[in-house]
C-alpha cells in the first residue's frame, strides 16, 4: 500500500498541473490569433491523439507494467509544456497539443491498472478507485484558479514553464518511489466471497443451490469480453465535459486577467461539487451500476437546466453538476472491474480511456461548429440521456445483485 500512497501523491501533482491549464489554454490560443472553431479543433485533436496512445497502453501496461509508462508520460508532458511556452502561432500550439495528447494517453490506464493490481479484493479495489477519483477531483478544485492566478502574475510563458518543470520533477521522483505490482487475477465461486460473511445468510435463501442456476460471480469469468455498450456512457460524459470546457471560457470572456480568473473559479466550483460527493464514502457501498446510471441521468438534467436558463446562479448549477460527476467518477471503473474478470486491467482501462478520448474529441468540436445554431448544453443533455438509455439494462439485475451493498 506504500506504492498507492506515493502514487496518489504523484497523481495529485500531475492532475493539479494538467487542470491548471484548463482556464488558460483558450485565452492563450486567442492571444495567438485563434478563432473559436480553431480552439474547438485544438481541444478535440488533443483528445483524438489519445487513441493510439490508449491502444498501445492497453497491451503495453499488461506486458511491461505501469511504472515505465507513468514515468515516461509525465516526463514527456513536462518537456512539451516547456516548448509550448514559446509558441508564436496557433498551428504550433495545435501541433504541441496533439503530441501532448498522445504522451498523456498512457498515464490514466497505467495508474488505474496499478491501483487495481495493488488491491487484494474487489472491495479494496473499489476504495482505491474512489481514492483515485477523490485525488483527481481534489487537485482540480484548486488548480484552475491557481493556473489563472499564475498567468495573471507572471504571464503565459513563465506559467507554462513552471508547470512543465513541475511535471518533470514529478516524473523524476516517480523513478524512485513507484513500483509495479504483480497481477493477481480474482474470480469468485459464490456470493459468499463477494458479500461480507455477516450478510451472506440474508441472500442465501434466494439463491438456488444448483451450480447451473446460481448467480454469476462478482467478477466476470476470465477472458469474457465486456459488452461494448458499457463504454457508451464514458463517451457521453467526456463529450459533455468537453462541451463545458469549451463553453465556460467563452461565457466568462477571454480578454483580460479578470476574465481568466473568473473562468478558473468556475472550473473550481465544478470540481468542488464533485469533491463533496466523492467524500461521501458510504456511496461506494451501493451498486456501481445504479450509481453510474442515476449519476448520468442527474448530469443530463443539469445540462438541460443550464441550456434552458433555469433562474439559478451559474455557480450553483455548476456545483450541482460537479456533484453528479462525483457520483459517476468512481462508479464507472468499479463497474468495469466487476465485469472484467480481474484480468487484463491495462486493456480494460485503456478502452475506458479511449472512450473518454472519443467523447472529449467530439464534444468541443461539435460545440465549436454548432454553438451559433443551438446551445452546446442541449447537445450534452441529448448525448447523456441517450447513453443512459443504451446502458446495458439486460445485465442490470445481475450487476446489481452482485455488487449491491458489497
Protein backbone atom coordinates (compact mmCIF):
# COMPACT_ATOMS: atom_id res chain seq x y z
CA UNK A 1 0.00 0.00 0.00
CA UNK A 2 3.02 2.27 0.28
CA UNK A 3 3.08 2.35 -3.52
CA UNK A 4 -0.56 3.51 -3.51
CA UNK A 5 0.30 6.41 -1.19
CA UNK A 6 3.15 7.57 -3.41
CA UNK A 7 1.02 7.08 -6.50
CA UNK A 8 -1.73 9.23 -5.01
CA UNK A 9 0.81 11.97 -4.24
CA UNK A 10 2.21 11.97 -7.78
CA UNK A 11 -1.28 11.79 -9.24
CA UNK A 12 -2.26 14.84 -7.22
CA UNK A 13 0.69 16.82 -8.56
CA UNK A 14 0.12 15.64 -12.13
CA UNK A 15 -3.62 16.36 -12.07
CA UNK A 16 -3.00 19.72 -10.42
CA UNK A 17 -0.56 20.61 -13.16
CA UNK A 18 -2.82 19.47 -16.01
CA UNK A 19 -6.04 21.02 -14.70
CA UNK A 20 -4.25 24.32 -14.09
CA UNK A 21 -4.10 24.66 -17.89
CA UNK A 22 -7.87 24.47 -18.43
CA UNK A 23 -8.74 28.14 -17.91
CA UNK A 24 -5.61 29.47 -19.63
CA UNK A 25 -5.37 27.43 -22.85
CA UNK A 26 -8.33 29.14 -24.53
CA UNK A 27 -7.19 32.71 -23.77
CA UNK A 28 -3.65 31.73 -24.72
CA UNK A 29 -4.89 30.47 -28.09
CA UNK A 30 -6.94 33.65 -28.55
CA UNK A 31 -3.84 35.74 -27.81
CA UNK A 32 -2.13 33.91 -30.68
CA UNK A 33 -4.99 34.78 -33.03
CA UNK A 34 -7.03 31.55 -32.93
CA UNK A 35 -10.76 31.63 -33.80
CA UNK A 36 -13.38 29.76 -31.70
CA UNK A 37 -13.65 27.00 -34.34
CA UNK A 38 -9.88 26.55 -34.26
CA UNK A 39 -9.95 26.36 -30.46
CA UNK A 40 -12.56 23.60 -30.71
CA UNK A 41 -10.27 21.78 -33.16
CA UNK A 42 -7.32 22.20 -30.82
CA UNK A 43 -9.22 20.76 -27.86
CA UNK A 44 -10.60 17.95 -29.99
CA UNK A 45 -7.29 16.98 -31.61
CA UNK A 46 -5.72 16.75 -28.14
CA UNK A 47 -8.28 14.10 -27.30
CA UNK A 48 -8.23 12.20 -30.59
CA UNK A 49 -4.45 11.74 -30.37
CA UNK A 50 -5.15 9.90 -27.14
CA UNK A 51 -6.47 6.98 -29.19
CA UNK A 52 -3.18 5.50 -30.49
CA UNK A 53 -1.62 6.05 -27.07
CA UNK A 54 -4.54 4.32 -25.36
CA UNK A 55 -4.28 1.35 -27.73
CA UNK A 56 -0.55 0.98 -27.09
CA UNK A 57 -1.06 1.39 -23.34
CA UNK A 58 -3.72 -1.32 -23.29
CA UNK A 59 -1.26 -4.01 -24.32
CA UNK A 60 1.92 -2.37 -23.04
CA UNK A 61 0.76 -1.95 -19.44
CA UNK A 62 -0.32 -5.60 -19.23
CA UNK A 63 3.01 -6.74 -20.64
CA UNK A 64 5.56 -4.33 -19.18
CA UNK A 65 3.79 -2.95 -16.11
CA UNK A 66 2.63 0.55 -15.22
CA UNK A 67 5.80 2.13 -13.85
CA UNK A 68 7.56 2.73 -17.17
CA UNK A 69 4.52 4.35 -18.77
CA UNK A 70 3.82 6.61 -15.78
CA UNK A 71 7.37 7.95 -15.73
CA UNK A 72 7.75 8.45 -19.49
CA UNK A 73 4.31 10.03 -19.83
CA UNK A 74 4.95 12.62 -17.12
CA UNK A 75 8.46 13.39 -18.36
CA UNK A 76 7.40 13.92 -21.97
CA UNK A 77 4.39 16.02 -20.97
CA UNK A 78 6.69 18.31 -18.97
CA UNK A 79 9.06 18.79 -21.90
CA UNK A 80 6.14 19.61 -24.20
CA UNK A 81 4.92 22.28 -21.78
CA UNK A 82 8.38 23.88 -21.84
CA UNK A 83 8.17 24.02 -25.64
CA UNK A 84 4.57 25.25 -25.50
CA UNK A 85 5.69 28.28 -23.51
CA UNK A 86 7.48 29.62 -26.60
CA UNK A 87 4.99 29.04 -29.45
CA UNK A 88 4.23 32.04 -31.66
CA UNK A 89 1.18 30.97 -33.71
CA UNK A 90 -1.92 28.75 -33.27
CA UNK A 91 -0.62 25.98 -35.57
CA UNK A 92 2.44 25.44 -33.41
CA UNK A 93 0.17 25.22 -30.38
CA UNK A 94 -2.04 22.72 -32.21
CA UNK A 95 0.96 20.53 -33.06
CA UNK A 96 2.25 20.50 -29.49
CA UNK A 97 -1.21 19.80 -28.07
CA UNK A 98 -1.50 16.86 -30.47
CA UNK A 99 1.76 15.35 -29.22
CA UNK A 100 0.79 16.09 -25.62
CA UNK A 101 -2.48 14.21 -26.11
CA UNK A 102 -0.54 11.15 -27.28
CA UNK A 103 2.00 11.01 -24.44
CA UNK A 104 -0.57 11.67 -21.70
CA UNK A 105 -2.79 8.87 -23.05
CA UNK A 106 -0.60 6.38 -21.18
CA UNK A 107 -0.99 7.99 -17.77
CA UNK A 108 -4.56 7.14 -16.82
CA UNK A 109 -4.60 3.44 -17.91
CA UNK A 110 -1.23 2.88 -16.23
CA UNK A 111 -2.26 4.48 -12.94
CA UNK A 112 -5.66 2.81 -12.73
CA UNK A 113 -4.17 -0.56 -13.67
CA UNK A 114 -1.54 -0.25 -10.95
CA UNK A 115 -4.17 0.66 -8.35
CA UNK A 116 -6.29 -2.33 -9.38
CA UNK A 117 -3.30 -4.68 -9.08
CA UNK A 118 -2.35 -3.38 -5.64
CA UNK A 119 -5.75 -4.29 -4.18
CA UNK A 120 -6.30 -7.71 -2.61
CA UNK A 121 -10.06 -7.95 -3.19
CA UNK A 122 -12.90 -6.24 -5.03
CA UNK A 123 -13.94 -4.10 -2.06
CA UNK A 124 -10.42 -2.70 -1.74
CA UNK A 125 -10.34 -2.11 -5.49
CA UNK A 126 -13.50 -0.05 -5.20
CA UNK A 127 -11.97 2.01 -2.39
CA UNK A 128 -8.76 2.62 -4.35
CA UNK A 129 -10.76 3.72 -7.40
CA UNK A 130 -12.77 6.06 -5.18
CA UNK A 131 -9.50 7.38 -3.79
CA UNK A 132 -8.24 7.97 -7.33
CA UNK A 133 -11.35 9.97 -8.14
CA UNK A 134 -11.03 11.86 -4.86
CA UNK A 135 -7.39 12.80 -5.52
CA UNK A 136 -8.20 13.76 -9.10
CA UNK A 137 -11.09 15.97 -8.02
CA UNK A 138 -9.31 17.48 -5.02
CA UNK A 139 -6.47 18.57 -7.29
CA UNK A 140 -8.89 20.04 -9.82
CA UNK A 141 -10.67 22.10 -7.14
CA UNK A 142 -7.76 24.48 -6.70
CA UNK A 143 -5.72 24.08 -9.89
CA UNK A 144 -7.88 26.09 -12.36
CA UNK A 145 -7.93 29.12 -10.08
CA UNK A 146 -4.22 28.62 -9.36
CA UNK A 147 -3.41 28.45 -13.08
CA UNK A 148 -5.40 31.59 -13.78
CA UNK A 149 -3.71 33.41 -10.89
CA UNK A 150 -0.30 32.24 -12.11
CA UNK A 151 -0.90 33.69 -15.57
CA UNK A 152 -2.19 36.95 -14.09
CA UNK A 153 1.00 37.26 -12.05
CA UNK A 154 3.77 36.07 -14.38
CA UNK A 155 2.22 35.69 -17.86
CA UNK A 156 1.64 32.74 -20.17
CA UNK A 157 5.28 31.93 -20.95
CA UNK A 158 6.52 31.70 -17.38
CA UNK A 159 3.35 29.90 -16.27
CA UNK A 160 3.80 27.10 -18.82
CA UNK A 161 7.48 26.83 -17.92
CA UNK A 162 6.66 26.42 -14.22
CA UNK A 163 4.03 23.77 -14.96
CA UNK A 164 6.43 21.93 -17.25
CA UNK A 165 9.23 21.77 -14.67
CA UNK A 166 6.74 20.58 -12.06
CA UNK A 167 5.82 17.58 -14.25
CA UNK A 168 9.47 16.79 -14.97
CA UNK A 169 10.28 16.86 -11.25
CA UNK A 170 7.32 14.59 -10.51
CA UNK A 171 8.47 12.09 -13.15
CA UNK A 172 11.97 12.07 -11.65
CA UNK A 173 10.59 11.32 -8.18
CA UNK A 174 8.38 8.55 -9.61
CA UNK A 175 11.51 6.70 -10.75
CA UNK A 176 12.44 6.08 -7.12
CA UNK A 177 9.07 5.66 -5.41
CA UNK A 178 6.72 3.90 -7.87
CA UNK A 179 7.00 0.10 -8.08
CA UNK A 180 4.93 -2.30 -10.13
CA UNK A 181 2.65 -4.85 -8.51
CA UNK A 182 2.06 -8.32 -9.90
CA UNK A 183 -1.31 -9.01 -11.46
CA UNK A 184 -3.41 -11.26 -9.24
CA UNK A 185 -6.49 -12.49 -11.13
CA UNK A 186 -9.54 -12.87 -8.90
CA UNK A 187 -12.63 -14.88 -9.53
CA UNK A 188 -15.32 -15.84 -7.08
CA UNK A 189 -17.31 -19.06 -6.92
CA UNK A 190 -20.21 -17.72 -4.93
CA UNK A 191 -21.75 -14.63 -3.49
CA UNK A 192 -20.29 -15.55 -0.11
CA UNK A 193 -16.89 -14.49 -1.44
CA UNK A 194 -18.22 -11.13 -2.56
CA UNK A 195 -20.63 -10.18 0.21
CA UNK A 196 -19.30 -9.97 3.76
CA UNK A 197 -19.94 -13.15 5.75
CA UNK A 198 -22.13 -11.34 8.22
CA UNK A 199 -24.66 -10.63 5.48
CA UNK A 200 -24.33 -13.84 3.49
CA UNK A 201 -27.24 -15.61 5.14
CA UNK A 202 -29.51 -12.75 4.16
CA UNK A 203 -29.01 -13.60 0.49
CA UNK A 204 -28.67 -17.36 0.66
CA UNK A 205 -32.39 -18.00 0.96
CA UNK A 206 -32.93 -16.54 -2.52
CA UNK A 207 -30.01 -18.30 -4.21
CA UNK A 208 -30.59 -21.73 -5.73
CA UNK A 209 -28.16 -24.39 -4.64
CA UNK A 210 -27.66 -25.69 -8.16
CA UNK A 211 -24.42 -24.57 -9.73
CA UNK A 212 -26.11 -24.15 -13.08
CA UNK A 213 -28.63 -21.66 -11.77
CA UNK A 214 -26.56 -19.89 -9.14
CA UNK A 215 -25.79 -16.20 -9.56
CA UNK A 216 -22.78 -15.23 -11.60
CA UNK A 217 -19.60 -14.38 -9.72
CA UNK A 218 -18.88 -10.76 -8.89
CA UNK A 219 -16.13 -10.68 -11.46
CA UNK A 220 -16.85 -11.99 -14.91
CA UNK A 221 -15.14 -15.26 -15.89
CA UNK A 222 -11.60 -14.83 -17.05
CA UNK A 223 -11.38 -13.88 -20.71
CA UNK A 224 -15.04 -12.93 -21.13
CA UNK A 225 -15.24 -9.72 -23.19
CA UNK A 226 -17.02 -6.69 -21.82
CA UNK A 227 -20.16 -5.52 -23.63
CA UNK A 228 -19.33 -2.57 -25.86
CA UNK A 229 -22.43 -0.75 -24.63
CA UNK A 230 -20.69 -0.24 -21.28
CA UNK A 231 -18.35 2.24 -22.96
CA UNK A 232 -21.10 4.42 -24.41
CA UNK A 233 -21.56 6.29 -21.13
CA UNK A 234 -17.91 7.36 -20.70
CA UNK A 235 -18.04 8.67 -24.26
CA UNK A 236 -21.12 10.72 -23.36
CA UNK A 237 -19.77 12.05 -20.06
CA UNK A 238 -16.49 13.04 -21.67
CA UNK A 239 -18.34 14.68 -24.56
CA UNK A 240 -20.40 16.73 -22.10
CA UNK A 241 -17.25 17.67 -20.17
CA UNK A 242 -15.56 18.75 -23.39
CA UNK A 243 -18.53 20.96 -24.21
CA UNK A 244 -18.34 22.52 -20.75
CA UNK A 245 -14.58 23.08 -21.04
CA UNK A 246 -15.13 24.79 -24.40
CA UNK A 247 -18.07 26.94 -23.33
CA UNK A 248 -17.07 28.22 -19.89
CA UNK A 249 -14.10 30.35 -21.01
CA UNK A 250 -16.18 31.85 -23.82
CA UNK A 251 -19.09 32.56 -21.46
CA UNK A 252 -16.87 34.32 -18.95
CA UNK A 253 -14.94 36.22 -21.62
CA UNK A 254 -11.34 35.58 -22.51
CA UNK A 255 -9.78 39.03 -22.69
CA UNK A 256 -8.05 40.27 -19.59
CA UNK A 257 -6.76 38.77 -16.35
CA UNK A 258 -10.06 39.22 -14.50
CA UNK A 259 -11.93 37.06 -17.04
CA UNK A 260 -9.32 34.31 -16.87
CA UNK A 261 -9.57 34.33 -13.08
CA UNK A 262 -13.36 34.12 -13.29
CA UNK A 263 -13.09 31.10 -15.59
CA UNK A 264 -10.70 29.38 -13.20
CA UNK A 265 -13.10 29.89 -10.31
CA UNK A 266 -15.98 28.42 -12.32
CA UNK A 267 -13.96 25.30 -13.10
CA UNK A 268 -13.00 25.03 -9.44
CA UNK A 269 -16.67 25.18 -8.41
CA UNK A 270 -17.42 22.15 -10.62
CA UNK A 271 -14.57 20.24 -9.03
CA UNK A 272 -15.61 21.24 -5.53
CA UNK A 273 -19.09 19.83 -6.17
CA UNK A 274 -17.52 16.54 -7.29
CA UNK A 275 -15.33 16.54 -4.18
CA UNK A 276 -18.41 16.73 -1.96
CA UNK A 277 -19.98 13.54 -3.33
CA UNK A 278 -16.62 11.75 -3.61
CA UNK A 279 -16.18 12.39 0.11
CA UNK A 280 -19.43 10.52 0.83
CA UNK A 281 -17.71 7.16 1.15
CA UNK A 282 -20.95 5.38 2.04
CA UNK A 283 -21.94 5.73 -1.63
CA UNK A 284 -19.21 3.23 -2.52
CA UNK A 285 -21.28 0.50 -0.84
CA UNK A 286 -24.07 0.96 -3.37
CA UNK A 287 -24.22 -0.79 -6.72
CA UNK A 288 -21.76 0.81 -9.19
CA UNK A 289 -24.32 0.14 -11.93
CA UNK A 290 -27.01 2.17 -10.17
CA UNK A 291 -24.57 4.95 -9.30
CA UNK A 292 -23.44 5.14 -12.92
CA UNK A 293 -26.98 5.14 -14.31
CA UNK A 294 -28.57 7.68 -11.97
CA UNK A 295 -25.48 9.89 -11.94
CA UNK A 296 -25.73 10.13 -15.74
CA UNK A 297 -29.42 10.99 -15.58
CA UNK A 298 -28.79 13.71 -12.98
CA UNK A 299 -25.94 15.10 -15.07
CA UNK A 300 -28.13 15.25 -18.17
CA UNK A 301 -30.92 17.07 -16.32
CA UNK A 302 -28.44 19.68 -15.05
CA UNK A 303 -27.07 20.34 -18.55
CA UNK A 304 -30.64 20.76 -19.76
CA UNK A 305 -31.31 23.22 -16.93
CA UNK A 306 -28.26 25.28 -17.96
CA UNK A 307 -29.36 25.21 -21.61
CA UNK A 308 -32.90 26.47 -20.94
CA UNK A 309 -31.67 29.11 -18.49
CA UNK A 310 -33.16 27.96 -15.20
CA UNK A 311 -33.18 31.03 -12.92
CA UNK A 312 -30.40 29.86 -10.63
CA UNK A 313 -26.89 31.31 -10.25
CA UNK A 314 -24.42 29.73 -12.65
CA UNK A 315 -22.17 28.83 -9.73
CA UNK A 316 -24.99 26.84 -8.11
CA UNK A 317 -25.70 24.95 -11.33
CA UNK A 318 -22.03 24.12 -11.80
CA UNK A 319 -21.73 22.97 -8.19
CA UNK A 320 -24.63 20.52 -8.63
CA UNK A 321 -23.19 19.40 -11.96
CA UNK A 322 -19.94 18.60 -10.18
CA UNK A 323 -21.82 16.59 -7.54
CA UNK A 324 -23.34 14.43 -10.28
CA UNK A 325 -19.88 13.92 -11.78
CA UNK A 326 -18.59 12.86 -8.38
CA UNK A 327 -21.12 10.02 -8.33
CA UNK A 328 -20.05 8.69 -11.74
CA UNK A 329 -16.26 9.07 -11.42
CA UNK A 330 -15.55 6.10 -9.09
CA UNK A 331 -18.57 4.06 -10.19
CA UNK A 332 -17.53 3.55 -13.83
CA UNK A 333 -14.09 1.98 -13.20
CA UNK A 334 -15.51 -0.11 -10.34
CA UNK A 335 -18.22 -1.42 -12.68
CA UNK A 336 -15.58 -2.31 -15.28
CA UNK A 337 -13.51 -4.14 -12.66
CA UNK A 338 -16.58 -6.17 -11.68
CA UNK A 339 -17.14 -7.17 -15.31
CA UNK A 340 -13.53 -7.65 -16.40
CA UNK A 341 -12.78 -10.94 -14.64
CA UNK A 342 -9.91 -9.49 -12.61
CA UNK A 343 -7.53 -9.71 -15.56
CA UNK A 344 -6.23 -7.50 -18.39
CA UNK A 345 -6.57 -4.33 -16.35
CA UNK A 346 -4.40 -2.46 -18.83
CA UNK A 347 -6.72 -3.23 -21.75
CA UNK A 348 -9.86 -2.62 -19.71
CA UNK A 349 -8.79 0.84 -18.61
CA UNK A 350 -7.24 1.53 -21.99
CA UNK A 351 -10.66 1.07 -23.59
CA UNK A 352 -12.13 3.32 -20.91
CA UNK A 353 -9.56 5.99 -21.75
CA UNK A 354 -10.29 5.56 -25.47
CA UNK A 355 -13.98 6.12 -24.75
CA UNK A 356 -13.14 9.27 -22.80
CA UNK A 357 -10.87 10.44 -25.64
CA UNK A 358 -13.54 9.94 -28.30
CA UNK A 359 -16.05 11.93 -26.26
CA UNK A 360 -13.55 14.67 -25.49
CA UNK A 361 -12.85 14.97 -29.22
CA UNK A 362 -16.48 15.09 -30.32
CA UNK A 363 -17.64 17.49 -27.57
CA UNK A 364 -15.60 20.65 -28.24
CA UNK A 365 -15.63 20.04 -32.00
CA UNK A 366 -19.43 19.91 -32.04
CA UNK A 367 -19.68 22.90 -29.71
CA UNK A 368 -17.36 24.97 -31.91
CA UNK A 369 -19.34 24.21 -35.07
CA UNK A 370 -22.90 24.38 -33.71
CA UNK A 371 -22.82 26.99 -30.95
CA UNK A 372 -24.28 29.63 -33.32
CA UNK A 373 -27.18 27.30 -34.17
CA UNK A 374 -28.05 25.60 -30.87
CA UNK A 375 -26.79 25.77 -27.31
CA UNK A 376 -24.00 23.18 -26.87
CA UNK A 377 -25.52 22.34 -23.49
CA UNK A 378 -28.52 20.87 -25.35
CA UNK A 379 -26.10 18.54 -27.10
CA UNK A 380 -24.64 17.50 -23.74
CA UNK A 381 -28.14 16.72 -22.47
CA UNK A 382 -29.02 14.63 -25.53
CA UNK A 383 -25.88 12.50 -25.54
CA UNK A 384 -26.09 11.81 -21.80
CA UNK A 385 -29.73 10.77 -21.92
CA UNK A 386 -29.06 8.58 -24.94
CA UNK A 387 -26.14 6.92 -23.16
CA UNK A 388 -28.23 6.30 -20.04
CA UNK A 389 -30.84 4.60 -22.25
CA UNK A 390 -28.21 2.45 -24.01
CA UNK A 391 -26.54 1.33 -20.76
CA UNK A 392 -26.93 -2.46 -20.67
CA UNK A 393 -30.24 -2.98 -18.93
CA UNK A 394 -30.09 -6.64 -19.89
CA UNK A 395 -27.37 -7.09 -17.28
CA UNK A 396 -28.59 -4.62 -14.70
CA UNK A 397 -30.20 -7.13 -12.35
CA UNK A 398 -27.17 -9.39 -12.36
CA UNK A 399 -24.79 -6.47 -11.81
CA UNK A 400 -26.92 -5.00 -9.04
CA UNK A 401 -27.31 -8.32 -7.25
CA UNK A 402 -23.61 -8.97 -7.37
CA UNK A 403 -22.47 -5.57 -6.14
CA UNK A 404 -25.27 -4.07 -4.04
CA UNK A 405 -24.05 -3.32 -0.53
CA UNK A 406 -20.83 -5.21 -1.02
